[in-house]
Amino acid sequence: MRKLPQEADSGMEQPTGRVVKERRFSPAMFIWTFALLCVLAGGQALILGSYAKLPSFPPMFVAGMTGYWAIVAGILSLVTYLQIRRRLEPMRKFSEASKQVSSGDFSVYLEPEHLPESPKWDSNDEMFEDFNAMVRELGSIETMKNDFVANVSHEIKTPLAIIQSYVQLLGKPGLSDEQRSRYAATVTDASERLGQFVTSILKLSKLENQTMGLQIEECDLPRQLTDAALSYGDLFDDKGIAFEVDIEDRALVRADPDVLEVVWSNLLGNALKFTDEGGHVSLRQSSDKEIVSVEVRDDGCGMSGEELSHVFDKFYQGDTSHAARGNGLGMAMVRRAVELSGGTISLSSAVGEGTTVLVRLPAAI
């Protein structure tokens, strides 16, 4: 069980959990049952005496009947207790499991007493199933949180270590101008990488938590795509990649323009990054009455099925040869941005053949 901050510093051993005192057999239950049975037996004797005109009962008879009803009261009390205990047993298991979960153990599993298809399936079984689903979700969230923290720490520590090392080298006497220029360029590159990473984290956090405050308006998608294509045109030319653009004159969607910009900049940036010199990249857009489609296709390195299944995971970088040029957050941002815009995104890819990304957005009516 995790300790509170003030407990951790106290130097005193803390209790591992609260102890619930359970009374095995309640004397009060027995007394009340016995009293009730005596009253009922007395009433029966009065009724019987009024009809049968029986003489007074001898003391031995009264004592025997009293003992008899005491035994009956004990049996009834025990049966009642066992019934109550049986009904409360699931609550006890639930309480113990909840304490384990609260202490950080997400491996807890409560076994339902019956199968879902069984006619005996009841509310306790349903409660256990809901609890197990909740624990699985909490465990998944905890794992993602730990992975997120570990990845963030790694992504920040790496450029910081580079900056620290090369700044120390810059402080050494006797360096040539060429060495100083090379070291300074390395520090600048690491600083830019760190800045881009922080910017990506902030963008992703904003997108993941943004459910309100979107500036929804009618966007001329071809114009936005044209601006994105122009901003990457020179980069494709510098790398020797043929860049083909085929878009309509006008097609309207209702979305936040800033959110959609995240989609096109990341998709074109990925196509640029994963396509080698002499390759081809195409940007195509089409529409009908209901859907506006945008396709980004390249003939770059492509992805395997395993990489494709993780492409939207945070920090996932399947092609390690390009890892230094990214942080694994781009496609996570793209998916969230498309979801916020009410659209869908799909990918198809093959190793050595390239990747095709298709974004479908609802057309403005």
Protein backbone atom coordinates (compact mmCIF):
# COMPACT_ATOMS: atom_id res chain seq x y z
CA MET A 1 0.00 0.00 0.00
CA ARG A 2 1.51 3.31 -1.01
CA LYS A 3 2.18 5.81 1.74
CA LEU A 4 1.07 9.39 1.77
CA PRO A 5 3.89 11.94 1.61
CA GLN A 6 3.59 12.86 5.27
CA GLU A 7 3.63 9.17 6.22
CA ALA A 8 6.74 8.43 4.21
CA ASP A 9 8.77 11.00 6.16
CA SER A 10 7.54 10.14 9.63
CA GLY A 11 9.88 7.19 10.12
CA MET A 12 7.06 5.22 11.73
CA GLU A 13 5.72 1.95 10.45
CA GLN A 14 2.24 2.48 9.08
CA PRO A 15 -0.57 -0.09 9.20
CA THR A 16 -0.96 -2.07 6.02
CA GLY A 17 -4.73 -1.68 6.00
CA ARG A 18 -7.84 -1.27 8.09
CA VAL A 19 -9.05 -4.28 10.03
CA VAL A 20 -12.76 -4.97 9.74
CA LYS A 21 -14.15 -6.71 12.82
CA GLU A 22 -16.76 -9.24 11.79
CA ARG A 23 -19.01 -10.75 14.47
CA ARG A 24 -19.25 -14.47 13.75
CA PHE A 25 -22.56 -15.00 15.54
CA SER A 26 -24.68 -12.18 16.92
CA PRO A 27 -26.12 -12.80 20.45
CA ALA A 28 -28.62 -10.03 19.79
CA MET A 29 -29.96 -11.96 16.80
CA PHE A 30 -30.40 -15.06 18.97
CA ILE A 31 -32.12 -13.14 21.82
CA TRP A 32 -34.55 -11.39 19.49
CA THR A 33 -35.34 -14.63 17.65
CA PHE A 34 -35.84 -16.51 20.92
CA ALA A 35 -38.07 -13.77 22.33
CA LEU A 36 -40.17 -13.71 19.17
CA LEU A 37 -40.59 -17.49 19.22
CA CYS A 38 -41.55 -17.44 22.94
CA VAL A 39 -44.19 -14.80 22.25
CA LEU A 40 -45.54 -16.83 19.33
CA ALA A 41 -45.51 -20.03 21.43
CA GLY A 42 -47.27 -18.23 24.31
CA GLY A 43 -49.92 -16.94 21.95
CA GLN A 44 -50.42 -20.41 20.58
CA ALA A 45 -50.77 -21.82 24.12
CA LEU A 46 -53.40 -19.22 25.00
CA ILE A 47 -55.43 -20.01 21.90
CA LEU A 48 -55.11 -23.73 22.52
CA GLY A 49 -56.04 -23.34 26.21
CA SER A 50 -59.15 -21.32 25.40
CA TYR A 51 -60.50 -24.18 23.27
CA ALA A 52 -59.19 -27.26 25.03
CA LYS A 53 -59.74 -26.06 28.63
CA LEU A 54 -56.36 -27.51 29.54
CA PRO A 55 -55.11 -27.32 33.16
CA SER A 56 -52.02 -25.23 33.90
CA PHE A 57 -48.78 -26.44 32.36
CA PRO A 58 -46.36 -28.15 34.76
CA PRO A 59 -42.98 -26.45 35.35
CA MET A 60 -41.05 -29.28 33.65
CA PHE A 61 -43.16 -28.86 30.53
CA VAL A 62 -42.52 -25.10 30.49
CA ALA A 63 -38.78 -25.64 30.98
CA GLY A 64 -38.67 -28.24 28.22
CA MET A 65 -40.56 -26.05 25.78
CA THR A 66 -38.33 -23.13 26.68
CA GLY A 67 -35.25 -25.22 25.88
CA TYR A 68 -36.85 -26.45 22.69
CA TRP A 69 -37.57 -22.93 21.46
CA ALA A 70 -34.07 -21.87 22.48
CA ILE A 71 -32.68 -24.59 20.21
CA VAL A 72 -35.02 -23.52 17.40
CA ALA A 73 -33.99 -19.88 17.89
CA GLY A 74 -30.31 -20.89 17.73
CA ILE A 75 -30.84 -22.86 14.52
CA LEU A 76 -32.78 -20.01 12.90
CA SER A 77 -30.15 -17.48 13.96
CA LEU A 78 -27.34 -19.64 12.57
CA VAL A 79 -29.15 -20.19 9.27
CA THR A 80 -29.88 -16.47 8.99
CA TYR A 81 -26.23 -15.63 9.74
CA LEU A 82 -24.98 -18.09 7.13
CA GLN A 83 -27.36 -16.66 4.56
CA ILE A 84 -26.29 -13.11 5.32
CA ARG A 85 -22.62 -14.11 5.24
CA ARG A 86 -23.06 -15.87 1.92
CA ARG A 87 -24.69 -12.80 0.44
CA LEU A 88 -22.02 -10.49 1.86
CA GLU A 89 -19.09 -12.64 0.77
CA PRO A 90 -18.91 -10.99 -2.69
CA MET A 91 -18.79 -7.60 -0.97
CA ARG A 92 -15.88 -8.79 1.16
CA LYS A 93 -14.01 -9.99 -1.92
CA PHE A 94 -14.82 -6.74 -3.68
CA SER A 95 -13.51 -4.71 -0.73
CA GLU A 96 -10.25 -6.66 -0.55
CA ALA A 97 -9.73 -6.39 -4.29
CA SER A 98 -10.43 -2.64 -4.18
CA LYS A 99 -7.75 -2.22 -1.51
CA GLN A 100 -5.26 -4.06 -3.71
CA VAL A 101 -6.08 -1.83 -6.65
CA SER A 102 -5.79 1.31 -4.51
CA SER A 103 -2.29 0.15 -3.50
CA GLY A 104 -1.26 -0.03 -7.16
CA ASP A 105 -1.81 -3.73 -7.90
CA PHE A 106 -3.66 -3.94 -11.23
CA SER A 107 -3.29 -7.71 -11.58
CA VAL A 108 -6.38 -8.29 -9.43
CA TYR A 109 -9.11 -10.45 -10.94
CA LEU A 110 -12.45 -11.35 -9.37
CA GLU A 111 -13.78 -14.67 -10.63
CA PRO A 112 -17.56 -14.55 -11.23
CA GLU A 113 -19.41 -17.45 -9.65
CA HIS A 114 -21.39 -18.17 -12.82
CA LEU A 115 -20.86 -17.93 -16.55
CA PRO A 116 -22.61 -15.11 -18.44
CA GLU A 117 -24.81 -17.58 -20.30
CA SER A 118 -25.83 -19.33 -17.07
CA PRO A 119 -29.36 -18.70 -15.77
CA LYS A 120 -27.78 -18.18 -12.33
CA TRP A 121 -25.84 -15.14 -13.57
CA ASP A 122 -26.75 -12.37 -11.13
CA SER A 123 -25.89 -8.81 -10.10
CA ASN A 124 -22.79 -9.92 -8.18
CA ASP A 125 -21.37 -11.61 -11.25
CA GLU A 126 -22.14 -8.49 -13.28
CA MET A 127 -20.42 -6.35 -10.65
CA PHE A 128 -17.30 -8.56 -10.75
CA GLU A 129 -17.15 -8.34 -14.53
CA ASP A 130 -17.45 -4.54 -14.43
CA PHE A 131 -14.75 -4.41 -11.75
CA ASN A 132 -12.41 -6.57 -13.84
CA ALA A 133 -12.98 -4.35 -16.87
CA MET A 134 -12.23 -1.27 -14.78
CA VAL A 135 -9.01 -2.81 -13.42
CA ARG A 136 -7.88 -3.75 -16.94
CA GLU A 137 -8.48 -0.19 -18.09
CA LEU A 138 -6.67 1.27 -15.08
CA GLY A 139 -3.75 -1.09 -15.66
CA SER A 140 -3.60 -0.05 -19.29
CA ILE A 141 -3.65 3.63 -18.33
CA GLU A 142 -0.94 3.07 -15.72
CA THR A 143 1.23 1.27 -18.28
CA MET A 144 0.74 4.04 -20.82
CA LYS A 145 1.56 6.65 -18.19
CA ASN A 146 4.75 4.88 -17.18
CA ASP A 147 5.76 4.40 -20.82
CA PHE A 148 4.95 8.03 -21.54
CA VAL A 149 7.08 9.29 -18.64
CA ALA A 150 9.95 6.96 -19.58
CA ASN A 151 9.85 8.04 -23.23
CA VAL A 152 9.59 11.71 -22.38
CA SER A 153 12.53 11.38 -20.00
CA HIS A 154 14.58 9.63 -22.66
CA GLU A 155 13.71 12.13 -25.39
CA ILE A 156 14.65 15.05 -23.13
CA LYS A 157 17.78 13.53 -21.60
CA THR A 158 19.37 12.63 -24.92
CA PRO A 159 19.60 16.15 -26.41
CA LEU A 160 20.41 17.61 -23.00
CA ALA A 161 23.35 15.20 -22.68
CA ILE A 162 24.55 16.21 -26.14
CA ILE A 163 24.26 19.89 -25.31
CA GLN A 164 26.09 19.46 -22.02
CA SER A 165 28.93 17.46 -23.59
CA TYR A 166 29.53 19.82 -26.48
CA VAL A 167 29.24 22.94 -24.35
CA GLN A 168 32.04 21.50 -22.19
CA LEU A 169 34.09 20.86 -25.34
CA LEU A 170 33.52 24.45 -26.46
CA GLY A 171 35.05 25.61 -23.19
CA LYS A 172 38.36 23.89 -23.86
CA PRO A 173 41.24 26.11 -24.98
CA GLY A 174 43.05 25.65 -28.24
CA LEU A 175 40.06 24.72 -30.40
CA SER A 176 40.22 25.59 -34.06
CA ASP A 177 37.53 27.68 -35.70
CA GLU A 178 36.35 24.60 -37.58
CA GLN A 179 35.97 22.61 -34.37
CA ARG A 180 34.13 25.43 -32.62
CA SER A 181 31.79 25.78 -35.59
CA ARG A 182 31.11 22.03 -35.66
CA TYR A 183 30.50 21.84 -31.90
CA ALA A 184 28.24 24.89 -32.00
CA ALA A 185 26.24 23.39 -34.87
CA THR A 186 25.78 20.18 -32.87
CA VAL A 187 24.53 22.16 -29.87
CA THR A 188 22.15 24.11 -32.09
CA ASP A 189 20.81 20.92 -33.69
CA ALA A 190 20.21 19.29 -30.28
CA SER A 191 18.52 22.46 -29.00
CA GLU A 192 16.22 22.57 -32.01
CA ARG A 193 15.38 18.90 -31.55
CA LEU A 194 14.56 19.50 -27.88
CA GLY A 195 12.43 22.53 -28.79
CA GLN A 196 10.54 20.56 -31.43
CA PHE A 197 9.92 17.77 -28.96
CA VAL A 198 8.51 20.13 -26.31
CA THR A 199 6.35 21.79 -28.97
CA SER A 200 5.02 18.41 -30.09
CA ILE A 201 4.23 17.38 -26.51
CA LEU A 202 2.30 20.60 -25.97
CA LYS A 203 0.41 20.21 -29.24
CA LEU A 204 -0.50 16.60 -28.52
CA SER A 205 -1.61 17.46 -24.99
CA LYS A 206 -3.77 20.26 -26.32
CA LEU A 207 -5.31 18.02 -28.98
CA GLU A 208 -5.99 15.13 -26.58
CA ASN A 209 -7.68 17.37 -24.03
CA GLN A 210 -9.48 19.62 -26.48
CA THR A 211 -13.17 18.86 -26.54
CA MET A 212 -14.37 22.46 -26.42
CA GLY A 213 -12.99 25.69 -27.76
CA LEU A 214 -12.56 24.49 -31.34
CA GLN A 215 -12.95 27.30 -33.87
CA ILE A 216 -15.23 25.43 -36.24
CA GLU A 217 -15.74 27.16 -39.56
CA GLU A 218 -16.05 26.38 -43.25
CA CYS A 219 -12.56 25.62 -44.54
CA ASP A 220 -11.59 25.69 -48.20
CA LEU A 221 -9.58 22.47 -48.05
CA PRO A 222 -7.88 22.78 -51.48
CA ARG A 223 -6.55 26.19 -50.50
CA GLN A 224 -5.18 24.83 -47.23
CA LEU A 225 -3.61 21.88 -49.02
CA THR A 226 -2.06 24.23 -51.56
CA ASP A 227 -0.44 26.26 -48.80
CA ALA A 228 0.91 23.08 -47.20
CA ALA A 229 2.24 21.83 -50.56
CA LEU A 230 3.97 25.15 -51.26
CA SER A 231 5.65 25.12 -47.84
CA TYR A 232 7.12 21.66 -48.54
CA GLY A 233 7.78 22.10 -52.27
CA ASP A 234 11.33 23.41 -51.90
CA LEU A 235 12.19 20.70 -49.38
CA PHE A 236 11.11 17.99 -51.82
CA ASP A 237 13.14 19.66 -54.58
CA ASP A 238 16.24 19.91 -52.37
CA LYS A 239 16.03 16.18 -51.64
CA GLY A 240 15.43 15.28 -55.26
CA ILE A 241 11.91 13.92 -54.75
CA ALA A 242 9.23 14.32 -57.42
CA PHE A 243 6.20 15.93 -55.78
CA GLU A 244 2.87 15.65 -57.58
CA VAL A 245 -0.21 17.62 -56.49
CA ASP A 246 -3.73 16.97 -57.81
CA ILE A 247 -6.48 18.85 -55.96
CA GLU A 248 -9.83 20.39 -56.79
CA ASP A 249 -10.50 24.08 -57.14
CA ARG A 250 -12.89 24.18 -54.19
CA ALA A 251 -14.18 21.79 -51.53
CA LEU A 252 -15.52 22.89 -48.17
CA VAL A 253 -15.34 21.11 -44.83
CA ARG A 254 -16.39 22.28 -41.38
CA ALA A 255 -13.42 22.08 -39.04
CA ASP A 256 -10.87 24.09 -37.10
CA PRO A 257 -8.22 25.21 -39.66
CA ASP A 258 -5.40 25.11 -37.09
CA VAL A 259 -6.27 21.52 -36.18
CA LEU A 260 -6.34 20.42 -39.83
CA GLU A 261 -2.98 22.09 -40.43
CA VAL A 262 -1.45 19.60 -37.98
CA VAL A 263 -2.64 16.76 -40.24
CA TRP A 264 -1.20 18.01 -43.53
CA SER A 265 2.12 19.20 -42.11
CA ASN A 266 2.77 15.84 -40.42
CA LEU A 267 1.69 13.70 -43.37
CA LEU A 268 3.82 15.63 -45.85
CA GLY A 269 6.68 15.76 -43.35
CA ASN A 270 6.59 11.96 -42.97
CA ALA A 271 6.51 11.48 -46.75
CA LEU A 272 9.57 13.72 -47.04
CA LYS A 273 11.40 11.94 -44.22
CA PHE A 274 10.78 8.37 -45.36
CA THR A 275 11.25 8.82 -49.11
CA ASP A 276 14.76 8.64 -50.50
CA GLU A 277 16.26 10.75 -53.26
CA GLY A 278 14.72 9.99 -56.62
CA GLY A 279 11.45 8.91 -55.08
CA HIS A 280 7.90 10.14 -55.68
CA VAL A 281 5.28 11.70 -53.40
CA SER A 282 1.74 12.57 -54.44
CA LEU A 283 -0.94 14.66 -52.77
CA ARG A 284 -4.42 14.07 -54.16
CA GLN A 285 -7.78 15.42 -53.09
CA SER A 286 -11.27 14.56 -54.29
CA SER A 287 -14.80 14.95 -53.01
CA ASP A 288 -18.43 14.04 -53.44
CA LYS A 289 -21.59 15.34 -51.81
CA GLU A 290 -20.78 13.85 -48.41
CA ILE A 291 -17.04 13.18 -48.13
CA VAL A 292 -13.86 15.07 -48.93
CA SER A 293 -10.90 12.70 -49.32
CA VAL A 294 -7.20 13.52 -49.14
CA GLU A 295 -4.56 10.96 -50.08
CA VAL A 296 -0.81 11.24 -49.44
CA ARG A 297 1.17 8.51 -51.20
CA ASP A 298 4.91 7.87 -51.30
CA ASP A 299 7.17 5.11 -52.62
CA GLY A 300 9.58 5.27 -49.70
CA CYS A 301 10.75 2.59 -47.27
CA GLY A 302 7.23 1.55 -46.23
CA MET A 303 6.23 -0.31 -43.08
CA SER A 304 5.75 -3.90 -42.01
CA GLY A 305 2.45 -5.16 -40.60
CA GLU A 306 3.83 -4.92 -37.05
CA GLU A 307 4.93 -1.32 -37.57
CA LEU A 308 1.61 -0.46 -39.18
CA SER A 309 -0.32 -1.75 -36.14
CA HIS A 310 1.60 0.64 -33.85
CA VAL A 311 1.84 3.64 -36.16
CA PHE A 312 -0.54 5.74 -34.03
CA ASP A 313 1.13 4.86 -30.71
CA LYS A 314 2.95 7.67 -28.93
CA PHE A 315 6.74 7.56 -29.31
CA TYR A 316 6.64 4.53 -31.59
CA GLN A 317 9.34 4.64 -34.27
CA GLY A 318 9.49 1.52 -36.35
CA ASP A 319 12.26 2.64 -38.71
CA THR A 320 15.17 3.30 -36.36
CA SER A 321 17.27 4.73 -39.21
CA HIS A 322 14.98 7.80 -39.13
CA ALA A 323 14.61 7.95 -35.35
CA ALA A 324 16.95 10.92 -34.99
CA ARG A 325 14.61 12.97 -37.20
CA GLY A 326 11.43 12.43 -35.21
CA ASN A 327 9.96 11.77 -31.80
CA GLY A 328 7.13 9.37 -32.57
CA LEU A 329 4.37 11.86 -31.77
CA GLY A 330 3.38 13.01 -35.26
CA MET A 331 0.89 10.28 -36.17
CA ALA A 332 -0.66 10.34 -32.70
CA MET A 333 -1.36 14.04 -33.28
CA VAL A 334 -2.68 13.34 -36.78
CA ARG A 335 -5.19 10.75 -35.58
CA ARG A 336 -6.45 13.00 -32.78
CA ALA A 337 -6.72 15.98 -35.14
CA VAL A 338 -8.72 13.92 -37.65
CA GLU A 339 -11.02 12.68 -34.86
CA LEU A 340 -11.64 16.24 -33.67
CA SER A 341 -12.53 17.16 -37.26
CA GLY A 342 -15.11 14.36 -37.43
CA GLY A 343 -13.18 12.34 -39.99
CA THR A 344 -11.39 9.02 -40.34
CA ILE A 345 -7.85 8.06 -41.27
CA SER A 346 -6.53 4.80 -42.73
CA LEU A 347 -3.08 3.60 -43.79
CA SER A 348 -1.77 0.94 -46.13
CA SER A 349 1.90 0.16 -46.49
CA ALA A 350 4.41 -2.48 -47.55
CA VAL A 351 8.13 -2.67 -46.87
CA GLY A 352 10.08 -1.26 -49.81
CA GLU A 353 6.93 -0.18 -51.67
CA GLY A 354 5.85 2.93 -49.79
CA THR A 355 2.90 4.14 -47.75
CA THR A 356 -0.53 5.53 -48.55
CA VAL A 357 -2.49 7.59 -46.04
CA LEU A 358 -6.16 8.35 -46.70
CA VAL A 359 -8.03 11.02 -44.71
CA ARG A 360 -11.79 11.32 -45.13
CA LEU A 361 -13.62 14.37 -43.80
CA PRO A 362 -17.35 15.16 -43.89
CA ALA A 363 -18.15 17.76 -46.52
CA ALA A 364 -19.80 21.00 -45.47
CA ILE A 365 -23.44 20.94 -46.52
